[in-house]
Amino acid sequence: MVVIRLSRGGARNRPFYNVVVADSRNRRDGRFIERLGFYNPLSVAGAADSLRLDLARVTFWQERGAQVSDAVAKLVKRVGAQTVAA
């Protein structure tokens, strides 16, 4: 099954996450099909560099049966709210 999930990067105690499309059998930080964006939980919440996500590609993969993880679903909801407010 194909999933859209977070892949952890960064150093110890300084997490940085890539939003990736991957096969569910692959390791969390392993091989992925496509990178859809990133999330930096340590940056200021309203900063432009804290979250970037390609919603068109998320929709593309969802239409083809990809499952979205709970954490990514929250991020998609946040990005959707930001685009409506802007």
PDB file of N, CA and C in Angstrom:
ATOM      1  N   MET A   1       0.842  -1.177   0.000  1.00  0.00           N
ATOM      2  CA  MET A   1       0.000   0.000   0.000  1.00  0.00           C
ATOM      3  C   MET A   1       0.889   1.243   0.000  1.00  0.00           C
ATOM      4  N   VAL A   2       0.461   2.242  -0.726  1.00  0.00           N
ATOM      5  CA  VAL A   2       1.189   3.506  -0.797  1.00  0.00           C
ATOM      6  C   VAL A   2       0.634   4.445   0.268  1.00  0.00           C
ATOM      7  N   VAL A   3       1.536   5.090   1.018  1.00  0.00           N
ATOM      8  CA  VAL A   3       1.125   6.002   2.082  1.00  0.00           C
ATOM      9  C   VAL A   3       1.838   7.347   1.928  1.00  0.00           C
ATOM     10  N   ILE A   4       1.180   8.385   2.401  1.00  0.00           N
ATOM     11  CA  ILE A   4       1.787   9.713   2.490  1.00  0.00           C
ATOM     12  C   ILE A   4       2.088   9.922   3.963  1.00  0.00           C
ATOM     13  N   ARG A   5       3.363  10.051   4.289  1.00  0.00           N
ATOM     14  CA  ARG A   5       3.767  10.103   5.696  1.00  0.00           C
ATOM     15  C   ARG A   5       4.963  11.015   5.891  1.00  0.00           C
ATOM     16  N   LEU A   6       5.344  11.185   7.154  1.00  0.00           N
ATOM     17  CA  LEU A   6       6.497  12.006   7.500  1.00  0.00           C
ATOM     18  C   LEU A   6       7.745  11.140   7.564  1.00  0.00           C
ATOM     19  N   SER A   7       8.834  11.666   7.022  1.00  0.00           N
ATOM     20  CA  SER A   7      10.136  11.018   7.095  1.00  0.00           C
ATOM     21  C   SER A   7      11.050  11.953   7.878  1.00  0.00           C
ATOM     22  N   ARG A   8      11.639  11.463   8.964  1.00  0.00           N
ATOM     23  CA  ARG A   8      12.400  12.326   9.860  1.00  0.00           C
ATOM     24  C   ARG A   8      13.806  12.566   9.347  1.00  0.00           C
ATOM     25  N   GLY A   9      14.222  13.800   9.471  1.00  0.00           N
ATOM     26  CA  GLY A   9      15.586  14.191   9.157  1.00  0.00           C
ATOM     27  C   GLY A   9      16.085  15.081  10.275  1.00  0.00           C
ATOM     28  N   GLY A  10      17.178  15.768  10.040  1.00  0.00           N
ATOM     29  CA  GLY A  10      17.707  16.667  11.050  1.00  0.00           C
ATOM     30  C   GLY A  10      18.620  15.951  12.025  1.00  0.00           C
ATOM     31  N   ALA A  11      19.095  16.682  12.997  1.00  0.00           N
ATOM     32  CA  ALA A  11      20.012  16.147  13.995  1.00  0.00           C
ATOM     33  C   ALA A  11      19.245  15.738  15.251  1.00  0.00           C
ATOM     34  N   ARG A  12      19.956  15.158  16.182  1.00  0.00           N
ATOM     35  CA  ARG A  12      19.341  14.774  17.447  1.00  0.00           C
ATOM     36  C   ARG A  12      18.799  16.021  18.148  1.00  0.00           C
ATOM     37  N   ASN A  13      17.587  15.929  18.647  1.00  0.00           N
ATOM     38  CA  ASN A  13      16.877  17.023  19.319  1.00  0.00           C
ATOM     39  C   ASN A  13      16.577  18.211  18.404  1.00  0.00           C
ATOM     40  N   ARG A  14      16.772  18.071  17.104  1.00  0.00           N
ATOM     41  CA  ARG A  14      16.451  19.117  16.130  1.00  0.00           C
ATOM     42  C   ARG A  14      15.725  18.478  14.945  1.00  0.00           C
ATOM     43  N   PRO A  15      14.500  17.991  15.151  1.00  0.00           N
ATOM     44  CA  PRO A  15      13.816  17.248  14.091  1.00  0.00           C
ATOM     45  C   PRO A  15      13.395  18.129  12.917  1.00  0.00           C
ATOM     46  N   PHE A  16      13.378  17.514  11.767  1.00  0.00           N
ATOM     47  CA  PHE A  16      12.919  18.121  10.527  1.00  0.00           C
ATOM     48  C   PHE A  16      12.254  16.997   9.751  1.00  0.00           C
ATOM     49  N   TYR A  17      11.091  17.247   9.202  1.00  0.00           N
ATOM     50  CA  TYR A  17      10.344  16.174   8.548  1.00  0.00           C
ATOM     51  C   TYR A  17      10.080  16.492   7.086  1.00  0.00           C
ATOM     52  N   ASN A  18      10.283  15.497   6.229  1.00  0.00           N
ATOM     53  CA  ASN A  18       9.876  15.578   4.837  1.00  0.00           C
ATOM     54  C   ASN A  18       8.550  14.852   4.706  1.00  0.00           C
ATOM     55  N   VAL A  19       7.631  15.412   3.946  1.00  0.00           N
ATOM     56  CA  VAL A  19       6.367  14.742   3.653  1.00  0.00           C
ATOM     57  C   VAL A  19       6.601  13.967   2.366  1.00  0.00           C
ATOM     58  N   VAL A  20       6.518  12.640   2.450  1.00  0.00           N
ATOM     59  CA  VAL A  20       6.862  11.792   1.316  1.00  0.00           C
ATOM     60  C   VAL A  20       5.749  10.808   0.996  1.00  0.00           C
ATOM     61  N   VAL A  21       5.753  10.350  -0.247  1.00  0.00           N
ATOM     62  CA  VAL A  21       4.903   9.249  -0.685  1.00  0.00           C
ATOM     63  C   VAL A  21       5.810   8.033  -0.722  1.00  0.00           C
ATOM     64  N   ALA A  22       5.424   6.966  -0.014  1.00  0.00           N
ATOM     65  CA  ALA A  22       6.278   5.787   0.068  1.00  0.00           C
ATOM     66  C   ALA A  22       5.438   4.525   0.154  1.00  0.00           C
ATOM     67  N   ASP A  23       6.064   3.416  -0.165  1.00  0.00           N
ATOM     68  CA  ASP A  23       5.435   2.118   0.044  1.00  0.00           C
ATOM     69  C   ASP A  23       5.446   1.854   1.548  1.00  0.00           C
ATOM     70  N   SER A  24       4.355   1.356   2.073  1.00  0.00           N
ATOM     71  CA  SER A  24       4.248   1.158   3.522  1.00  0.00           C
ATOM     72  C   SER A  24       5.237   0.124   4.042  1.00  0.00           C
ATOM     73  N   ARG A  25       5.779  -0.721   3.161  1.00  0.00           N
ATOM     74  CA  ARG A  25       6.731  -1.749   3.597  1.00  0.00           C
ATOM     75  C   ARG A  25       8.140  -1.196   3.764  1.00  0.00           C
ATOM     76  N   ASN A  26       8.401  -0.004   3.231  1.00  0.00           N
ATOM     77  CA  ASN A  26       9.719   0.605   3.369  1.00  0.00           C
ATOM     78  C   ASN A  26       9.869   1.245   4.744  1.00  0.00           C
ATOM     79  N   ARG A  27      11.130   1.390   5.170  1.00  0.00           N
ATOM     80  CA  ARG A  27      11.409   2.014   6.461  1.00  0.00           C
ATOM     81  C   ARG A  27      10.941   3.470   6.477  1.00  0.00           C
ATOM     82  N   ARG A  28      10.699   3.985   7.663  1.00  0.00           N
ATOM     83  CA  ARG A  28      10.189   5.350   7.811  1.00  0.00           C
ATOM     84  C   ARG A  28      11.074   6.366   7.090  1.00  0.00           C
ATOM     85  N   ASP A  29      12.370   6.258   7.259  1.00  0.00           N
ATOM     86  CA  ASP A  29      13.299   7.209   6.655  1.00  0.00           C
ATOM     87  C   ASP A  29      13.978   6.637   5.418  1.00  0.00           C
ATOM     88  N   GLY A  30      13.441   5.551   4.884  1.00  0.00           N
ATOM     89  CA  GLY A  30      14.064   4.866   3.755  1.00  0.00           C
ATOM     90  C   GLY A  30      13.603   5.392   2.406  1.00  0.00           C
ATOM     91  N   ARG A  31      13.508   4.464   1.468  1.00  0.00           N
ATOM     92  CA  ARG A  31      13.166   4.799   0.093  1.00  0.00           C
ATOM     93  C   ARG A  31      11.763   5.400  -0.004  1.00  0.00           C
ATOM     94  N   PHE A  32      11.619   6.386  -0.872  1.00  0.00           N
ATOM     95  CA  PHE A  32      10.306   6.989  -1.090  1.00  0.00           C
ATOM     96  C   PHE A  32      10.093   7.209  -2.578  1.00  0.00           C
ATOM     97  N   ILE A  33       8.849   7.429  -2.957  1.00  0.00           N
ATOM     98  CA  ILE A  33       8.483   7.615  -4.357  1.00  0.00           C
ATOM     99  C   ILE A  33       8.607   9.081  -4.754  1.00  0.00           C
ATOM    100  N   GLU A  34       8.068   9.970  -3.911  1.00  0.00           N
ATOM    101  CA  GLU A  34       8.074  11.398  -4.221  1.00  0.00           C
ATOM    102  C   GLU A  34       8.047  12.208  -2.932  1.00  0.00           C
ATOM    103  N   ARG A  35       8.745  13.341  -2.940  1.00  0.00           N
ATOM    104  CA  ARG A  35       8.736  14.267  -1.806  1.00  0.00           C
ATOM    105  C   ARG A  35       7.714  15.354  -2.108  1.00  0.00           C
ATOM    106  N   LEU A  36       6.750  15.526  -1.202  1.00  0.00           N
ATOM    107  CA  LEU A  36       5.663  16.474  -1.428  1.00  0.00           C
ATOM    108  C   LEU A  36       5.840  17.789  -0.684  1.00  0.00           C
ATOM    109  N   GLY A  37       6.729  17.830   0.285  1.00  0.00           N
ATOM    110  CA  GLY A  37       6.927  19.052   1.050  1.00  0.00           C
ATOM    111  C   GLY A  37       7.746  18.774   2.288  1.00  0.00           C
ATOM    112  N   PHE A  38       7.705  19.708   3.225  1.00  0.00           N
ATOM    113  CA  PHE A  38       8.453  19.549   4.469  1.00  0.00           C
ATOM    114  C   PHE A  38       7.722  20.218   5.615  1.00  0.00           C
ATOM    115  N   TYR A  39       8.132  19.857   6.830  1.00  0.00           N
ATOM    116  CA  TYR A  39       7.578  20.430   8.058  1.00  0.00           C
ATOM    117  C   TYR A  39       8.706  20.578   9.058  1.00  0.00           C
ATOM    118  N   ASN A  40       8.885  21.802   9.567  1.00  0.00           N
ATOM    119  CA  ASN A  40       9.903  22.075  10.572  1.00  0.00           C
ATOM    120  C   ASN A  40       9.192  22.488  11.860  1.00  0.00           C
ATOM    121  N   PRO A  41       9.047  21.568  12.818  1.00  0.00           N
ATOM    122  CA  PRO A  41       8.297  21.877  14.035  1.00  0.00           C
ATOM    123  C   PRO A  41       8.990  22.883  14.953  1.00  0.00           C
ATOM    124  N   LEU A  42      10.277  23.121  14.768  1.00  0.00           N
ATOM    125  CA  LEU A  42      11.002  24.021  15.661  1.00  0.00           C
ATOM    126  C   LEU A  42      10.965  25.476  15.211  1.00  0.00           C
ATOM    127  N   SER A  43      10.586  25.738  13.978  1.00  0.00           N
ATOM    128  CA  SER A  43      10.544  27.131  13.544  1.00  0.00           C
ATOM    129  C   SER A  43       9.278  27.794  14.086  1.00  0.00           C
ATOM    130  N   VAL A  44       9.222  29.092  14.011  1.00  0.00           N
ATOM    131  CA  VAL A  44       8.069  29.846  14.503  1.00  0.00           C
ATOM    132  C   VAL A  44       6.835  29.397  13.730  1.00  0.00           C
ATOM    133  N   ALA A  45       5.720  29.227  14.429  1.00  0.00           N
ATOM    134  CA  ALA A  45       4.514  28.636  13.838  1.00  0.00           C
ATOM    135  C   ALA A  45       4.029  29.372  12.593  1.00  0.00           C
ATOM    136  N   GLY A  46       4.080  30.675  12.567  1.00  0.00           N
ATOM    137  CA  GLY A  46       3.575  31.427  11.428  1.00  0.00           C
ATOM    138  C   GLY A  46       4.595  31.648  10.326  1.00  0.00           C
ATOM    139  N   ALA A  47       5.821  31.215  10.539  1.00  0.00           N
ATOM    140  CA  ALA A  47       6.880  31.457   9.567  1.00  0.00           C
ATOM    141  C   ALA A  47       6.630  30.672   8.284  1.00  0.00           C
ATOM    142  N   ALA A  48       7.042  31.271   7.175  1.00  0.00           N
ATOM    143  CA  ALA A  48       6.835  30.633   5.873  1.00  0.00           C
ATOM    144  C   ALA A  48       7.682  29.372   5.725  1.00  0.00           C
ATOM    145  N   ASP A  49       8.785  29.295   6.461  1.00  0.00           N
ATOM    146  CA  ASP A  49       9.671  28.140   6.312  1.00  0.00           C
ATOM    147  C   ASP A  49       9.347  27.004   7.281  1.00  0.00           C
ATOM    148  N   SER A  50       8.227  27.075   7.986  1.00  0.00           N
ATOM    149  CA  SER A  50       7.894  26.005   8.927  1.00  0.00           C
ATOM    150  C   SER A  50       7.141  24.866   8.259  1.00  0.00           C
ATOM    151  N   LEU A  51       6.370  25.166   7.221  1.00  0.00           N
ATOM    152  CA  LEU A  51       5.568  24.134   6.561  1.00  0.00           C
ATOM    153  C   LEU A  51       5.349  24.500   5.107  1.00  0.00           C
ATOM    154  N   ARG A  52       5.687  23.582   4.223  1.00  0.00           N
ATOM    155  CA  ARG A  52       5.405  23.763   2.804  1.00  0.00           C
ATOM    156  C   ARG A  52       4.917  22.434   2.269  1.00  0.00           C
ATOM    157  N   LEU A  53       3.806  22.453   1.537  1.00  0.00           N
ATOM    158  CA  LEU A  53       3.188  21.221   1.073  1.00  0.00           C
ATOM    159  C   LEU A  53       2.516  21.473  -0.268  1.00  0.00           C
ATOM    160  N   ASP A  54       2.720  20.562  -1.219  1.00  0.00           N
ATOM    161  CA  ASP A  54       2.107  20.660  -2.541  1.00  0.00           C
ATOM    162  C   ASP A  54       0.758  19.952  -2.496  1.00  0.00           C
ATOM    163  N   LEU A  55      -0.310  20.716  -2.267  1.00  0.00           N
ATOM    164  CA  LEU A  55      -1.645  20.133  -2.115  1.00  0.00           C
ATOM    165  C   LEU A  55      -2.137  19.459  -3.387  1.00  0.00           C
ATOM    166  N   ALA A  56      -1.726  19.955  -4.545  1.00  0.00           N
ATOM    167  CA  ALA A  56      -2.140  19.334  -5.807  1.00  0.00           C
ATOM    168  C   ALA A  56      -1.600  17.909  -5.907  1.00  0.00           C
ATOM    169  N   ARG A  57      -0.362  17.721  -5.479  1.00  0.00           N
ATOM    170  CA  ARG A  57       0.233  16.378  -5.538  1.00  0.00           C
ATOM    171  C   ARG A  57      -0.361  15.463  -4.467  1.00  0.00           C
ATOM    172  N   VAL A  58      -0.721  16.020  -3.316  1.00  0.00           N
ATOM    173  CA  VAL A  58      -1.389  15.221  -2.280  1.00  0.00           C
ATOM    174  C   VAL A  58      -2.711  14.706  -2.828  1.00  0.00           C
ATOM    175  N   THR A  59      -3.467  15.572  -3.467  1.00  0.00           N
ATOM    176  CA  THR A  59      -4.740  15.171  -4.070  1.00  0.00           C
ATOM    177  C   THR A  59      -4.517  14.129  -5.159  1.00  0.00           C
ATOM    178  N   PHE A  60      -3.492  14.328  -5.973  1.00  0.00           N
ATOM    179  CA  PHE A  60      -3.150  13.379  -7.034  1.00  0.00           C
ATOM    180  C   PHE A  60      -2.942  11.976  -6.471  1.00  0.00           C
ATOM    181  N   TRP A  61      -2.149  11.886  -5.407  1.00  0.00           N
ATOM    182  CA  TRP A  61      -1.857  10.571  -4.830  1.00  0.00           C
ATOM    183  C   TRP A  61      -3.064   9.987  -4.112  1.00  0.00           C
ATOM    184  N   GLN A  62      -3.875  10.818  -3.475  1.00  0.00           N
ATOM    185  CA  GLN A  62      -5.081  10.320  -2.809  1.00  0.00           C
ATOM    186  C   GLN A  62      -6.058   9.745  -3.825  1.00  0.00           C
ATOM    187  N   GLU A  63      -6.174  10.368  -4.984  1.00  0.00           N
ATOM    188  CA  GLU A  63      -7.055   9.856  -6.033  1.00  0.00           C
ATOM    189  C   GLU A  63      -6.593   8.498  -6.546  1.00  0.00           C
ATOM    190  N   ARG A  64      -5.322   8.213  -6.408  1.00  0.00           N
ATOM    191  CA  ARG A  64      -4.771   6.938  -6.854  1.00  0.00           C
ATOM    192  C   ARG A  64      -4.670   5.913  -5.729  1.00  0.00           C
ATOM    193  N   GLY A  65      -5.309   6.214  -4.597  1.00  0.00           N
ATOM    194  CA  GLY A  65      -5.430   5.238  -3.526  1.00  0.00           C
ATOM    195  C   GLY A  65      -4.430   5.332  -2.397  1.00  0.00           C
ATOM    196  N   ALA A  66      -3.609   6.372  -2.363  1.00  0.00           N
ATOM    197  CA  ALA A  66      -2.637   6.515  -1.278  1.00  0.00           C
ATOM    198  C   ALA A  66      -3.357   6.866   0.020  1.00  0.00           C
ATOM    199  N   GLN A  67      -2.927   6.257   1.105  1.00  0.00           N
ATOM    200  CA  GLN A  67      -3.479   6.539   2.425  1.00  0.00           C
ATOM    201  C   GLN A  67      -2.649   7.642   3.073  1.00  0.00           C
ATOM    202  N   VAL A  68      -3.307   8.561   3.751  1.00  0.00           N
ATOM    203  CA  VAL A  68      -2.620   9.672   4.414  1.00  0.00           C
ATOM    204  C   VAL A  68      -2.508   9.354   5.898  1.00  0.00           C
ATOM    205  N   SER A  69      -1.295   9.511   6.454  1.00  0.00           N
ATOM    206  CA  SER A  69      -1.115   9.267   7.885  1.00  0.00           C
ATOM    207  C   SER A  69      -1.839  10.350   8.686  1.00  0.00           C
ATOM    208  N   ASP A  70      -2.075  10.078   9.952  1.00  0.00           N
ATOM    209  CA  ASP A  70      -2.781  11.032  10.817  1.00  0.00           C
ATOM    210  C   ASP A  70      -2.027  12.360  10.923  1.00  0.00           C
ATOM    211  N   ALA A  71      -0.708  12.280  11.084  1.00  0.00           N
ATOM    212  CA  ALA A  71       0.096  13.496  11.227  1.00  0.00           C
ATOM    213  C   ALA A  71       0.048  14.334   9.952  1.00  0.00           C
ATOM    214  N   VAL A  72       0.136  13.686   8.806  1.00  0.00           N
ATOM    215  CA  VAL A  72       0.096  14.422   7.541  1.00  0.00           C
ATOM    216  C   VAL A  72      -1.296  14.999   7.307  1.00  0.00           C
ATOM    217  N   ALA A  73      -2.334  14.294   7.717  1.00  0.00           N
ATOM    218  CA  ALA A  73      -3.700  14.808   7.567  1.00  0.00           C
ATOM    219  C   ALA A  73      -3.862  16.117   8.337  1.00  0.00           C
ATOM    220  N   LYS A  74      -3.277  16.204   9.519  1.00  0.00           N
ATOM    221  CA  LYS A  74      -3.333  17.448  10.300  1.00  0.00           C
ATOM    222  C   LYS A  74      -2.592  18.578   9.579  1.00  0.00           C
ATOM    223  N   LEU A  75      -1.442  18.245   8.978  1.00  0.00           N
ATOM    224  CA  LEU A  75      -0.675  19.262   8.261  1.00  0.00           C
ATOM    225  C   LEU A  75      -1.420  19.733   7.013  1.00  0.00           C
ATOM    226  N   VAL A  76      -2.061  18.814   6.308  1.00  0.00           N
ATOM    227  CA  VAL A  76      -2.839  19.179   5.120  1.00  0.00           C
ATOM    228  C   VAL A  76      -3.974  20.111   5.513  1.00  0.00           C
ATOM    229  N   LYS A  77      -4.613  19.811   6.623  1.00  0.00           N
ATOM    230  CA  LYS A  77      -5.706  20.661   7.113  1.00  0.00           C
ATOM    231  C   LYS A  77      -5.182  22.060   7.444  1.00  0.00           C
ATOM    232  N   ARG A  78      -4.008  22.138   8.060  1.00  0.00           N
ATOM    233  CA  ARG A  78      -3.416  23.428   8.416  1.00  0.00           C
ATOM    234  C   ARG A  78      -3.055  24.235   7.166  1.00  0.00           C
ATOM    235  N   VAL A  79      -2.474  23.579   6.166  1.00  0.00           N
ATOM    236  CA  VAL A  79      -2.112  24.275   4.927  1.00  0.00           C
ATOM    237  C   VAL A  79      -3.364  24.745   4.203  1.00  0.00           C
ATOM    238  N   GLY A  80      -4.407  23.917   4.200  1.00  0.00           N
ATOM    239  CA  GLY A  80      -5.667  24.309   3.572  1.00  0.00           C
ATOM    240  C   GLY A  80      -6.266  25.533   4.233  1.00  0.00           C
ATOM    241  N   ALA A  81      -6.194  25.610   5.549  1.00  0.00           N
ATOM    242  CA  ALA A  81      -6.719  26.764   6.280  1.00  0.00           C
ATOM    243  C   ALA A  81      -5.894  28.012   5.979  1.00  0.00           C
ATOM    244  N   GLN A  82      -4.582  27.859   5.818  1.00  0.00           N
ATOM    245  CA  GLN A  82      -3.724  28.998   5.514  1.00  0.00           C
ATOM    246  C   GLN A  82      -4.007  29.541   4.121  1.00  0.00           C
ATOM    247  N   THR A  83      -4.246  28.655   3.151  1.00  0.00           N
ATOM    248  CA  THR A  83      -4.493  29.128   1.793  1.00  0.00           C
ATOM    249  C   THR A  83      -5.841  29.827   1.687  1.00  0.00           C
ATOM    250  N   VAL A  84      -6.836  29.374   2.449  1.00  0.00           N
ATOM    251  CA  VAL A  84      -8.144  30.028   2.447  1.00  0.00           C
ATOM    252  C   VAL A  84      -8.044  31.405   3.097  1.00  0.00           C
ATOM    253  N   ALA A  85      -7.262  31.511   4.173  1.00  0.00           N
ATOM    254  CA  ALA A  85      -7.123  32.776   4.892  1.00  0.00           C
ATOM    255  C   ALA A  85      -6.330  33.806   4.084  1.00  0.00           C
ATOM    256  N   ALA A  86      -5.431  33.345   3.246  1.00  0.00           N
ATOM    257  CA  ALA A  86      -4.571  34.270   2.486  1.00  0.00           C
ATOM    258  C   ALA A  86      -5.258  34.879   1.295  1.00  0.00           C
TER     259      ALA A  86
END
